[in-house]
Amino acid sequence: MMRCVNRVDLIERPRVLIVFPWGLGNMVLFTPALAALRAHRPQAHVTLVGFRSVAADVVAGGPLVDDVV
C-alpha cells in the first residue's frame, strides 16, 4: 500500500533512496558516507535498495539506515 506524502512531510523528514548493487567490500567502504549523511541530515529517512544479503547485514538494524530493500 502506498502512502501519500504531503509537502510538509518531505520538508520535515526528507527521503533518501540509495541504489547500491555492489558487494560486501564496497558496503564497508561506503559506511562512512552513510554516517556523514546521517550526521548532516539526522531526520532523513534513508532507504538502501539493491543489496545482496551479506552487504545488507552490515547496516541492517543499525542507526545509519531506516530500511534495506
C-alpha atoms as a PDB file:
ATOM      1  CA  MET A   1       0.000   0.000   0.000  1.00  0.00           C
ATOM      2  CA  MET A   2       1.406   3.392  -0.970  1.00  0.00           C
ATOM      3  CA  ARG A   3       1.145   6.256   1.431  1.00  0.00           C
ATOM      4  CA  CYS A   4       0.597   9.760   0.123  1.00  0.00           C
ATOM      5  CA  VAL A   5       3.310  12.125   1.262  1.00  0.00           C
ATOM      6  CA  ASN A   6       2.495  15.775   1.524  1.00  0.00           C
ATOM      7  CA  ARG A   7       4.969  18.588   1.116  1.00  0.00           C
ATOM      8  CA  VAL A   8       5.253  19.240   4.857  1.00  0.00           C
ATOM      9  CA  ASP A   9       6.357  15.630   5.442  1.00  0.00           C
ATOM     10  CA  LEU A  10       9.152  15.983   2.882  1.00  0.00           C
ATOM     11  CA  ILE A  11      10.383  19.243   4.381  1.00  0.00           C
ATOM     12  CA  GLU A  12      10.392  17.901   7.924  1.00  0.00           C
ATOM     13  CA  ARG A  13      11.727  14.444   7.043  1.00  0.00           C
ATOM     14  CA  PRO A  14      13.303  14.249   3.590  1.00  0.00           C
ATOM     15  CA  ARG A  15      13.651  10.826   1.990  1.00  0.00           C
ATOM     16  CA  VAL A  16      16.897   9.492   0.580  1.00  0.00           C
ATOM     17  CA  LEU A  17      16.973   6.442  -1.691  1.00  0.00           C
ATOM     18  CA  ILE A  18      20.386   4.892  -2.336  1.00  0.00           C
ATOM     19  CA  VAL A  19      20.722   2.268  -5.068  1.00  0.00           C
ATOM     20  CA  PHE A  20      23.785   0.197  -4.274  1.00  0.00           C
ATOM     21  CA  PRO A  21      24.170  -3.062  -6.249  1.00  0.00           C
ATOM     22  CA  TRP A  22      27.714  -3.982  -5.188  1.00  0.00           C
ATOM     23  CA  GLY A  23      29.082  -6.415  -2.620  1.00  0.00           C
ATOM     24  CA  LEU A  24      30.293  -6.518   0.950  1.00  0.00           C
ATOM     25  CA  GLY A  25      33.641  -4.778   0.457  1.00  0.00           C
ATOM     26  CA  ASN A  26      32.045  -1.770  -1.186  1.00  0.00           C
ATOM     27  CA  MET A  27      29.424  -1.612   1.565  1.00  0.00           C
ATOM     28  CA  VAL A  28      32.152  -1.485   4.207  1.00  0.00           C
ATOM     29  CA  LEU A  29      33.868   1.330   2.296  1.00  0.00           C
ATOM     30  CA  PHE A  30      30.530   3.134   1.794  1.00  0.00           C
ATOM     31  CA  THR A  31      29.589   3.052   5.500  1.00  0.00           C
ATOM     32  CA  PRO A  32      31.441   6.330   6.342  1.00  0.00           C
ATOM     33  CA  ALA A  33      29.402   8.082   3.643  1.00  0.00           C
ATOM     34  CA  LEU A  34      26.215   6.816   5.284  1.00  0.00           C
ATOM     35  CA  ALA A  35      27.476   8.091   8.640  1.00  0.00           C
ATOM     36  CA  ALA A  36      28.160  11.521   7.118  1.00  0.00           C
ATOM     37  CA  LEU A  37      24.697  11.582   5.552  1.00  0.00           C
ATOM     38  CA  ARG A  38      23.098  10.699   8.894  1.00  0.00           C
ATOM     39  CA  ALA A  39      25.199  13.354  10.692  1.00  0.00           C
ATOM     40  CA  HIS A  40      24.234  16.023   8.142  1.00  0.00           C
ATOM     41  CA  ARG A  41      20.551  15.022   7.866  1.00  0.00           C
ATOM     42  CA  PRO A  42      19.648  13.098  11.040  1.00  0.00           C
ATOM     43  CA  GLN A  43      15.916  13.447  10.367  1.00  0.00           C
ATOM     44  CA  ALA A  44      16.090  11.966   6.839  1.00  0.00           C
ATOM     45  CA  HIS A  45      14.511   8.602   6.063  1.00  0.00           C
ATOM     46  CA  VAL A  46      17.295   6.607   4.363  1.00  0.00           C
ATOM     47  CA  THR A  47      16.421   3.532   2.280  1.00  0.00           C
ATOM     48  CA  LEU A  48      19.006   1.292   0.596  1.00  0.00           C
ATOM     49  CA  VAL A  49      17.969  -0.684  -2.496  1.00  0.00           C
ATOM     50  CA  GLY A  50      19.733  -3.426  -4.424  1.00  0.00           C
ATOM     51  CA  PHE A  51      21.819  -5.004  -1.688  1.00  0.00           C
ATOM     52  CA  ARG A  52      22.892  -8.602  -1.516  1.00  0.00           C
ATOM     53  CA  SER A  53      22.026 -10.235   1.790  1.00  0.00           C
ATOM     54  CA  VAL A  54      25.574 -10.174   3.226  1.00  0.00           C
ATOM     55  CA  ALA A  55      26.080  -6.487   2.408  1.00  0.00           C
ATOM     56  CA  ALA A  56      22.682  -5.651   3.878  1.00  0.00           C
ATOM     57  CA  ASP A  57      23.690  -7.322   7.152  1.00  0.00           C
ATOM     58  CA  VAL A  58      26.437  -4.707   7.619  1.00  0.00           C
ATOM     59  CA  VAL A  59      23.933  -1.859   8.051  1.00  0.00           C
ATOM     60  CA  ALA A  60      20.552  -3.503   8.655  1.00  0.00           C
ATOM     61  CA  GLY A  61      19.157  -2.711  12.073  1.00  0.00           C
ATOM     62  CA  GLY A  62      21.806  -0.086  12.694  1.00  0.00           C
ATOM     63  CA  PRO A  63      21.438   3.659  13.175  1.00  0.00           C
ATOM     64  CA  LEU A  64      22.644   4.629   9.671  1.00  0.00           C
ATOM     65  CA  VAL A  65      19.658   3.461   7.620  1.00  0.00           C
ATOM     66  CA  ASP A  66      15.921   3.121   8.140  1.00  0.00           C
ATOM     67  CA  ASP A  67      15.109   0.460   5.525  1.00  0.00           C
ATOM     68  CA  VAL A  68      17.015  -2.080   3.427  1.00  0.00           C
ATOM     69  CA  VAL A  69      15.131  -3.408   0.408  1.00  0.00           C
END
